[in-house]
Amino acid sequence: MAGILTKGITLSYSTDNATFNELTNLQEIPEIGNGAPEKIETTVLSDSVKTYIAGLGDSGQELAFKFLYEREQFETLLALAASCQWQVAMPDGITASFKGMPSVKFDGASPNNAITYTLTVIVESIITFA
């Protein structure tokens, strides 16, 4: 039977590219993958249909991860002032790794709800899967 449960997905970061720190209370992850390459038109006047080649991909995507609020981790993420190495690990062991600049903000709040925040990482590299 194909498919696995999302239970156990983790997000970790490293500031030294050696030791990864696993984050807790992760509630949601975004779609993760490399952007499709841009489409470059190569049509000439003698063509009967438009023609294209693949251009460059765009690593400048923003990945938003939602967390249940816990003060210590929130403050730790706020203090990250430089790009870090990030790793999302799936329950079956496959990982998505990338470099990116983090930013953190509280989510909106309404009565009778848990406080959450969003970590947004601006991707600065190719996302590699292993």
N, C-alpha and C. Protein backbone atom coordinates (compact mmCIF):
# COMPACT_ATOMS: atom_id res chain seq x y z
N MET A 1 0.84 -1.18 0.00
CA MET A 1 0.00 0.00 0.00
C MET A 1 0.88 1.24 0.00
N ALA A 2 0.63 2.14 -0.92
CA ALA A 2 1.43 3.36 -1.05
C ALA A 2 0.94 4.42 -0.08
N GLY A 3 1.85 5.31 0.29
CA GLY A 3 1.51 6.43 1.15
C GLY A 3 2.03 6.23 2.56
N ILE A 4 2.38 7.34 3.18
CA ILE A 4 2.81 7.31 4.57
C ILE A 4 2.16 8.46 5.31
N LEU A 5 2.04 8.32 6.61
CA LEU A 5 1.46 9.34 7.45
C LEU A 5 2.45 10.50 7.62
N THR A 6 1.95 11.71 7.80
CA THR A 6 2.81 12.88 7.97
C THR A 6 3.47 12.92 9.36
N LYS A 7 3.00 12.09 10.28
CA LYS A 7 3.57 12.06 11.63
C LYS A 7 5.07 11.79 11.56
N GLY A 8 5.84 12.65 12.21
CA GLY A 8 7.28 12.43 12.24
C GLY A 8 8.08 13.30 11.30
N ILE A 9 7.43 14.15 10.50
CA ILE A 9 8.19 15.08 9.65
C ILE A 9 8.91 16.06 10.56
N THR A 10 10.18 16.32 10.28
CA THR A 10 10.95 17.25 11.11
C THR A 10 11.60 18.34 10.25
N LEU A 11 11.88 19.46 10.91
CA LEU A 11 12.62 20.57 10.32
C LEU A 11 13.78 20.87 11.24
N SER A 12 14.98 20.93 10.69
CA SER A 12 16.19 21.21 11.46
C SER A 12 16.98 22.30 10.75
N TYR A 13 17.85 22.98 11.52
CA TYR A 13 18.72 24.00 10.93
C TYR A 13 20.12 23.84 11.48
N SER A 14 21.09 24.37 10.73
CA SER A 14 22.48 24.36 11.16
C SER A 14 23.10 25.70 10.83
N THR A 15 23.82 26.25 11.78
CA THR A 15 24.53 27.50 11.53
C THR A 15 26.00 27.24 11.20
N ASP A 16 26.45 25.99 11.38
CA ASP A 16 27.85 25.66 11.12
C ASP A 16 28.01 24.56 10.07
N ASN A 17 26.91 24.14 9.44
CA ASN A 17 26.91 23.08 8.42
C ASN A 17 27.39 21.73 8.95
N ALA A 18 27.39 21.55 10.27
CA ALA A 18 27.83 20.28 10.85
C ALA A 18 26.77 19.72 11.80
N THR A 19 26.34 20.54 12.74
CA THR A 19 25.37 20.11 13.75
C THR A 19 24.00 20.68 13.42
N PHE A 20 23.01 19.80 13.30
CA PHE A 20 21.65 20.25 13.01
C PHE A 20 20.83 20.26 14.29
N ASN A 21 20.04 21.32 14.46
CA ASN A 21 19.17 21.49 15.61
C ASN A 21 17.73 21.26 15.16
N GLU A 22 17.10 20.21 15.71
CA GLU A 22 15.73 19.89 15.33
C GLU A 22 14.75 20.81 16.04
N LEU A 23 13.83 21.38 15.29
CA LEU A 23 12.81 22.27 15.85
C LEU A 23 11.62 21.44 16.31
N THR A 24 10.94 21.93 17.35
CA THR A 24 9.80 21.22 17.92
C THR A 24 8.51 21.94 17.58
N ASN A 25 7.41 21.26 17.81
CA ASN A 25 6.06 21.83 17.65
C ASN A 25 5.72 22.24 16.22
N LEU A 26 6.31 21.58 15.24
CA LEU A 26 6.01 21.84 13.83
C LEU A 26 4.59 21.36 13.52
N GLN A 27 3.80 22.23 12.92
CA GLN A 27 2.42 21.88 12.59
C GLN A 27 2.17 21.74 11.10
N GLU A 28 2.84 22.55 10.28
CA GLU A 28 2.61 22.49 8.83
C GLU A 28 3.91 22.78 8.09
N ILE A 29 4.07 22.12 6.94
CA ILE A 29 5.17 22.43 6.05
C ILE A 29 4.58 22.82 4.69
N PRO A 30 5.32 23.60 3.90
CA PRO A 30 4.84 23.98 2.57
C PRO A 30 5.20 22.93 1.52
N GLU A 31 4.79 23.18 0.30
CA GLU A 31 5.29 22.40 -0.82
C GLU A 31 6.79 22.66 -0.91
N ILE A 32 7.56 21.61 -1.13
CA ILE A 32 9.02 21.77 -1.17
C ILE A 32 9.55 21.16 -2.45
N GLY A 33 10.28 21.94 -3.20
CA GLY A 33 10.89 21.48 -4.44
C GLY A 33 11.49 22.65 -5.19
N ASN A 34 12.24 22.35 -6.20
CA ASN A 34 12.86 23.41 -6.99
C ASN A 34 11.85 23.95 -8.00
N GLY A 35 11.89 25.24 -8.18
CA GLY A 35 10.98 25.87 -9.14
C GLY A 35 11.24 25.37 -10.55
N ALA A 36 10.20 25.31 -11.32
CA ALA A 36 10.34 24.91 -12.72
C ALA A 36 11.16 25.96 -13.46
N PRO A 37 11.95 25.55 -14.44
CA PRO A 37 12.71 26.54 -15.19
C PRO A 37 11.78 27.46 -15.97
N GLU A 38 12.25 28.67 -16.17
CA GLU A 38 11.48 29.60 -16.98
C GLU A 38 11.43 29.11 -18.42
N LYS A 39 10.39 29.49 -19.12
CA LYS A 39 10.20 29.10 -20.51
C LYS A 39 10.73 30.24 -21.39
N ILE A 40 11.71 29.93 -22.25
CA ILE A 40 12.31 30.92 -23.13
C ILE A 40 11.82 30.66 -24.55
N GLU A 41 11.16 31.64 -25.12
CA GLU A 41 10.63 31.47 -26.48
C GLU A 41 11.75 31.56 -27.51
N THR A 42 11.75 30.60 -28.45
CA THR A 42 12.77 30.55 -29.51
C THR A 42 12.13 30.53 -30.90
N THR A 43 10.89 30.97 -30.99
CA THR A 43 10.15 30.91 -32.26
C THR A 43 10.80 31.83 -33.30
N VAL A 44 10.92 31.29 -34.51
CA VAL A 44 11.40 32.10 -35.63
C VAL A 44 10.27 32.27 -36.63
N LEU A 45 10.40 33.17 -37.55
CA LEU A 45 9.32 33.49 -38.47
C LEU A 45 8.89 32.34 -39.36
N SER A 46 9.74 31.36 -39.57
CA SER A 46 9.36 30.23 -40.42
C SER A 46 8.65 29.11 -39.63
N ASP A 47 8.59 29.20 -38.30
CA ASP A 47 7.91 28.19 -37.49
C ASP A 47 6.40 28.31 -37.62
N SER A 48 5.70 27.15 -37.61
CA SER A 48 4.23 27.17 -37.66
C SER A 48 3.61 27.15 -36.26
N VAL A 49 4.42 26.85 -35.26
CA VAL A 49 3.99 26.91 -33.85
C VAL A 49 5.13 27.54 -33.04
N LYS A 50 4.79 28.06 -31.91
CA LYS A 50 5.82 28.63 -31.05
C LYS A 50 6.72 27.51 -30.52
N THR A 51 8.01 27.81 -30.37
CA THR A 51 8.96 26.86 -29.82
C THR A 51 9.63 27.48 -28.59
N TYR A 52 10.11 26.59 -27.71
CA TYR A 52 10.68 27.05 -26.45
C TYR A 52 11.87 26.20 -26.05
N ILE A 53 12.71 26.76 -25.19
CA ILE A 53 13.75 26.00 -24.50
C ILE A 53 13.61 26.30 -23.00
N ALA A 54 14.16 25.41 -22.20
CA ALA A 54 14.12 25.62 -20.75
C ALA A 54 15.17 26.65 -20.36
N GLY A 55 14.77 27.60 -19.55
CA GLY A 55 15.68 28.61 -19.04
C GLY A 55 16.16 28.23 -17.65
N LEU A 56 16.49 29.23 -16.88
CA LEU A 56 16.97 29.02 -15.53
C LEU A 56 15.82 28.79 -14.57
N GLY A 57 16.08 28.00 -13.54
CA GLY A 57 15.12 27.85 -12.46
C GLY A 57 15.27 29.03 -11.51
N ASP A 58 14.35 29.17 -10.58
CA ASP A 58 14.38 30.27 -9.63
C ASP A 58 14.38 29.70 -8.22
N SER A 59 15.49 29.86 -7.50
CA SER A 59 15.57 29.35 -6.14
C SER A 59 15.02 30.36 -5.13
N GLY A 60 14.55 31.51 -5.58
CA GLY A 60 14.11 32.57 -4.69
C GLY A 60 12.72 32.37 -4.12
N GLN A 61 12.36 31.15 -3.84
CA GLN A 61 11.04 30.90 -3.26
C GLN A 61 11.07 31.10 -1.75
N GLU A 62 9.91 31.31 -1.19
CA GLU A 62 9.78 31.46 0.26
C GLU A 62 9.01 30.26 0.79
N LEU A 63 9.60 29.55 1.74
CA LEU A 63 8.97 28.39 2.35
C LEU A 63 8.48 28.78 3.74
N ALA A 64 7.19 28.60 3.99
CA ALA A 64 6.59 28.99 5.27
C ALA A 64 6.23 27.75 6.09
N PHE A 65 6.79 27.67 7.29
CA PHE A 65 6.57 26.56 8.21
C PHE A 65 5.80 27.08 9.42
N LYS A 66 4.73 26.40 9.80
CA LYS A 66 3.89 26.84 10.91
C LYS A 66 4.21 26.03 12.16
N PHE A 67 4.32 26.75 13.30
CA PHE A 67 4.65 26.14 14.58
C PHE A 67 3.66 26.54 15.66
N LEU A 68 3.45 25.64 16.59
CA LEU A 68 2.76 25.96 17.82
C LEU A 68 3.76 26.76 18.67
N TYR A 69 3.31 27.88 19.22
CA TYR A 69 4.20 28.80 19.94
C TYR A 69 4.80 28.17 21.19
N GLU A 70 6.10 28.37 21.32
CA GLU A 70 6.87 28.04 22.52
C GLU A 70 7.96 29.10 22.57
N ARG A 71 8.00 29.86 23.64
CA ARG A 71 8.81 31.07 23.71
C ARG A 71 10.30 30.85 23.42
N GLU A 72 10.92 29.84 24.04
CA GLU A 72 12.36 29.66 23.88
C GLU A 72 12.75 29.43 22.41
N GLN A 73 12.02 28.56 21.73
CA GLN A 73 12.34 28.29 20.33
C GLN A 73 12.05 29.52 19.47
N PHE A 74 10.94 30.21 19.73
CA PHE A 74 10.61 31.42 18.99
C PHE A 74 11.75 32.43 19.10
N GLU A 75 12.26 32.65 20.31
CA GLU A 75 13.35 33.61 20.50
C GLU A 75 14.65 33.14 19.83
N THR A 76 14.89 31.84 19.86
CA THR A 76 16.08 31.30 19.18
C THR A 76 16.00 31.58 17.68
N LEU A 77 14.83 31.34 17.08
CA LEU A 77 14.68 31.60 15.64
C LEU A 77 14.76 33.08 15.33
N LEU A 78 14.22 33.93 16.20
CA LEU A 78 14.33 35.38 16.00
C LEU A 78 15.79 35.83 15.97
N ALA A 79 16.62 35.16 16.75
CA ALA A 79 18.03 35.55 16.86
C ALA A 79 18.88 35.11 15.67
N LEU A 80 18.35 34.26 14.80
CA LEU A 80 19.12 33.82 13.63
C LEU A 80 19.22 35.00 12.66
N ALA A 81 20.40 35.58 12.55
CA ALA A 81 20.57 36.79 11.75
C ALA A 81 21.22 36.55 10.39
N ALA A 82 21.58 35.31 10.12
CA ALA A 82 22.26 35.01 8.86
C ALA A 82 21.64 33.76 8.23
N SER A 83 22.02 33.51 7.00
CA SER A 83 21.55 32.32 6.31
C SER A 83 22.00 31.07 7.06
N CYS A 84 21.16 30.06 7.01
CA CYS A 84 21.45 28.77 7.66
C CYS A 84 21.24 27.66 6.65
N GLN A 85 21.72 26.49 7.01
CA GLN A 85 21.41 25.28 6.26
C GLN A 85 20.17 24.69 6.89
N TRP A 86 19.19 24.29 6.09
CA TRP A 86 17.92 23.76 6.56
C TRP A 86 17.73 22.35 6.03
N GLN A 87 17.01 21.53 6.80
CA GLN A 87 16.74 20.16 6.37
C GLN A 87 15.36 19.74 6.83
N VAL A 88 14.55 19.31 5.87
CA VAL A 88 13.24 18.73 6.16
C VAL A 88 13.39 17.23 5.98
N ALA A 89 13.03 16.47 7.02
CA ALA A 89 13.15 15.01 6.95
C ALA A 89 11.76 14.39 6.99
N MET A 90 11.50 13.53 6.04
CA MET A 90 10.23 12.81 5.97
C MET A 90 10.32 11.55 6.84
N PRO A 91 9.18 11.01 7.26
CA PRO A 91 9.20 9.83 8.12
C PRO A 91 9.92 8.61 7.54
N ASP A 92 10.01 8.53 6.22
CA ASP A 92 10.68 7.37 5.60
C ASP A 92 12.17 7.61 5.39
N GLY A 93 12.68 8.78 5.84
CA GLY A 93 14.12 9.04 5.78
C GLY A 93 14.58 9.95 4.66
N ILE A 94 13.75 10.22 3.66
CA ILE A 94 14.18 11.13 2.60
C ILE A 94 14.26 12.54 3.17
N THR A 95 15.27 13.30 2.75
CA THR A 95 15.45 14.66 3.24
C THR A 95 15.50 15.65 2.09
N ALA A 96 15.07 16.86 2.38
CA ALA A 96 15.20 17.99 1.47
C ALA A 96 16.10 18.99 2.17
N SER A 97 17.23 19.34 1.56
CA SER A 97 18.20 20.24 2.18
C SER A 97 18.40 21.47 1.32
N PHE A 98 18.55 22.62 1.99
CA PHE A 98 18.72 23.88 1.28
C PHE A 98 19.30 24.93 2.21
N LYS A 99 19.84 25.99 1.62
CA LYS A 99 20.34 27.14 2.37
C LYS A 99 19.30 28.24 2.27
N GLY A 100 19.11 28.98 3.36
CA GLY A 100 18.14 30.05 3.29
C GLY A 100 18.18 31.00 4.47
N MET A 101 17.61 32.18 4.26
CA MET A 101 17.54 33.24 5.26
C MET A 101 16.19 33.17 5.97
N PRO A 102 16.20 33.03 7.32
CA PRO A 102 14.95 32.91 8.06
C PRO A 102 14.36 34.24 8.52
N SER A 103 13.05 34.25 8.70
CA SER A 103 12.36 35.34 9.39
C SER A 103 11.16 34.71 10.10
N VAL A 104 10.75 35.34 11.21
CA VAL A 104 9.71 34.76 12.05
C VAL A 104 8.67 35.83 12.36
N LYS A 105 7.39 35.42 12.38
CA LYS A 105 6.32 36.34 12.78
C LYS A 105 5.19 35.54 13.42
N PHE A 106 4.48 36.23 14.35
CA PHE A 106 3.30 35.61 14.94
C PHE A 106 2.20 35.55 13.90
N ASP A 107 1.40 34.49 13.97
CA ASP A 107 0.23 34.38 13.11
C ASP A 107 -0.91 35.18 13.72
N GLY A 108 -1.96 35.38 12.95
CA GLY A 108 -3.14 36.04 13.48
C GLY A 108 -3.73 35.21 14.61
N ALA A 109 -4.50 35.86 15.47
CA ALA A 109 -5.08 35.16 16.60
C ALA A 109 -6.57 35.47 16.68
N SER A 110 -7.32 34.52 17.23
CA SER A 110 -8.75 34.70 17.45
C SER A 110 -9.11 33.97 18.74
N PRO A 111 -10.29 34.24 19.29
CA PRO A 111 -10.66 33.60 20.56
C PRO A 111 -10.63 32.08 20.50
N ASN A 112 -10.21 31.50 21.60
CA ASN A 112 -10.24 30.05 21.79
C ASN A 112 -9.37 29.28 20.80
N ASN A 113 -8.21 29.85 20.47
CA ASN A 113 -7.26 29.19 19.58
C ASN A 113 -5.87 29.20 20.19
N ALA A 114 -5.04 28.26 19.79
CA ALA A 114 -3.65 28.23 20.25
C ALA A 114 -2.84 29.29 19.49
N ILE A 115 -1.85 29.84 20.16
CA ILE A 115 -0.96 30.82 19.52
C ILE A 115 0.02 30.06 18.63
N THR A 116 0.18 30.54 17.41
CA THR A 116 1.11 29.94 16.46
C THR A 116 1.98 31.02 15.85
N TYR A 117 3.05 30.59 15.21
CA TYR A 117 3.91 31.51 14.48
C TYR A 117 4.39 30.83 13.21
N THR A 118 4.87 31.66 12.29
CA THR A 118 5.35 31.15 11.01
C THR A 118 6.82 31.51 10.84
N LEU A 119 7.60 30.50 10.51
CA LEU A 119 8.99 30.67 10.11
C LEU A 119 9.01 30.66 8.60
N THR A 120 9.46 31.75 8.00
CA THR A 120 9.58 31.81 6.54
C THR A 120 11.06 31.78 6.19
N VAL A 121 11.43 30.89 5.29
CA VAL A 121 12.82 30.78 4.84
C VAL A 121 12.88 31.15 3.37
N ILE A 122 13.66 32.17 3.04
CA ILE A 122 13.89 32.54 1.64
C ILE A 122 15.02 31.64 1.14
N VAL A 123 14.69 30.78 0.21
CA VAL A 123 15.64 29.78 -0.29
C VAL A 123 16.71 30.47 -1.14
N GLU A 124 17.98 30.12 -0.84
CA GLU A 124 19.12 30.73 -1.54
C GLU A 124 19.96 29.70 -2.30
N SER A 125 19.45 28.50 -2.47
CA SER A 125 20.22 27.44 -3.13
C SER A 125 19.25 26.48 -3.82
N ILE A 126 19.83 25.54 -4.52
CA ILE A 126 19.04 24.43 -5.06
C ILE A 126 18.60 23.58 -3.87
N ILE A 127 17.39 23.06 -3.92
CA ILE A 127 16.94 22.12 -2.88
C ILE A 127 17.37 20.73 -3.33
N THR A 128 18.13 20.05 -2.48
CA THR A 128 18.62 18.71 -2.82
C THR A 128 17.85 17.68 -2.00
N PHE A 129 17.55 16.57 -2.65
CA PHE A 129 16.85 15.47 -2.00
C PHE A 129 17.78 14.28 -1.87
N ALA A 130 17.77 13.66 -0.70
CA ALA A 130 18.63 12.50 -0.49
C ALA A 130 17.89 11.47 0.36
